[in-house]
Amino acid sequence: MSKEINLHEVYTTTEAQHLLKISESTMKRLLKNGLIKANKVGGQYRILGKELLRVVSPEVEKEAVKSYLEFKKKVVNTINRW
């Protein structure tokens, strides 16, 4: 597999995971939180290359940090209520 992300190529989650050099759990988290937009085809996600390129841009990193901090705040609040 090529290590270069093609803008118009369609990738599986496994291929995208290898290209981005992230774990399976991180890929699932990115999909679940909507940080990577994908379409389901036959029960499996398909991701456009332009989405992967968007992920590696600085704007997405800022959004990921914001999302993480919001999630962390919710978890801390839940724990504090116990």
Protein backbone atom coordinates (compact mmCIF):
# COMPACT_ATOMS: atom_id res chain seq x y z
CA MET A 1 0.00 0.00 0.00
CA SER A 2 1.16 3.50 -0.81
CA LYS A 3 2.06 5.74 2.13
CA GLU A 4 0.73 8.79 0.30
CA ILE A 5 -2.90 9.76 0.85
CA ASN A 6 -4.74 10.25 -2.44
CA LEU A 7 -7.38 12.98 -2.25
CA HIS A 8 -10.00 11.03 -4.25
CA GLU A 9 -9.18 7.50 -3.06
CA VAL A 10 -11.63 5.57 -0.86
CA TYR A 11 -10.08 3.81 2.15
CA THR A 12 -11.24 1.19 4.62
CA THR A 13 -10.82 1.90 8.32
CA THR A 14 -7.82 -0.44 8.45
CA GLU A 15 -6.13 1.31 5.53
CA ALA A 16 -6.86 4.74 7.04
CA GLN A 17 -5.58 3.57 10.40
CA HIS A 18 -2.26 2.51 8.85
CA LEU A 19 -1.94 5.73 6.87
CA LEU A 20 -2.55 7.86 9.95
CA LYS A 21 -0.42 5.54 12.14
CA ILE A 22 -3.08 5.29 14.84
CA SER A 23 -4.53 2.40 16.82
CA GLU A 24 -7.84 0.71 16.12
CA SER A 25 -9.38 2.24 19.25
CA THR A 26 -8.28 5.72 18.19
CA MET A 27 -9.81 5.18 14.74
CA LYS A 28 -13.09 4.09 16.33
CA ARG A 29 -13.06 7.13 18.61
CA LEU A 30 -12.43 9.51 15.70
CA LEU A 31 -15.31 7.98 13.75
CA LYS A 32 -17.66 7.93 16.74
CA ASN A 33 -16.96 11.57 17.64
CA GLY A 34 -17.36 12.66 14.03
CA LEU A 35 -13.80 13.91 13.69
CA ILE A 36 -13.49 11.70 10.62
CA LYS A 37 -16.54 11.61 8.37
CA ALA A 38 -17.22 8.23 6.79
CA ASN A 39 -19.98 6.33 5.00
CA LYS A 40 -21.06 2.83 5.83
CA VAL A 41 -21.07 0.44 2.88
CA GLY A 42 -22.15 -3.12 3.56
CA GLY A 43 -21.66 -2.69 7.30
CA GLN A 44 -18.13 -1.30 6.95
CA TYR A 45 -16.93 2.28 6.94
CA ARG A 46 -15.40 3.86 3.84
CA ILE A 47 -13.39 7.06 4.20
CA LEU A 48 -12.42 9.49 1.46
CA GLY A 49 -8.79 10.53 1.21
CA LYS A 50 -9.75 14.19 1.59
CA GLU A 51 -11.14 13.36 5.05
CA LEU A 52 -7.83 11.81 6.07
CA LEU A 53 -5.95 14.84 4.79
CA ARG A 54 -8.30 17.08 6.75
CA VAL A 55 -7.51 15.14 9.92
CA VAL A 56 -3.82 15.90 9.73
CA SER A 57 -4.42 19.65 9.41
CA PRO A 58 -3.95 22.00 12.41
CA GLU A 59 -7.63 23.00 12.52
CA VAL A 60 -8.68 19.42 13.18
CA GLU A 61 -6.13 19.11 15.96
CA LYS A 62 -7.68 22.13 17.68
CA GLU A 63 -11.14 20.58 17.35
CA ALA A 64 -9.87 17.25 18.72
CA VAL A 65 -8.35 18.96 21.78
CA LYS A 66 -11.59 20.88 22.36
CA SER A 67 -13.63 17.67 22.05
CA TYR A 68 -11.30 15.83 24.43
CA LEU A 69 -11.46 18.60 27.05
CA GLU A 70 -15.27 18.68 26.89
CA PHE A 71 -15.41 14.91 27.30
CA LYS A 72 -12.92 15.02 30.18
CA LYS A 73 -15.03 17.68 31.92
CA LYS A 74 -18.15 15.49 31.62
CA VAL A 75 -16.31 12.49 33.07
CA VAL A 76 -14.93 14.52 35.98
CA ASN A 77 -18.38 15.96 36.72
CA THR A 78 -19.90 12.47 36.68
CA ILE A 79 -17.23 11.14 39.02
CA ASN A 80 -17.64 14.09 41.37
CA ARG A 81 -21.39 13.43 41.64
CA TRP A 82 -20.69 9.91 42.97
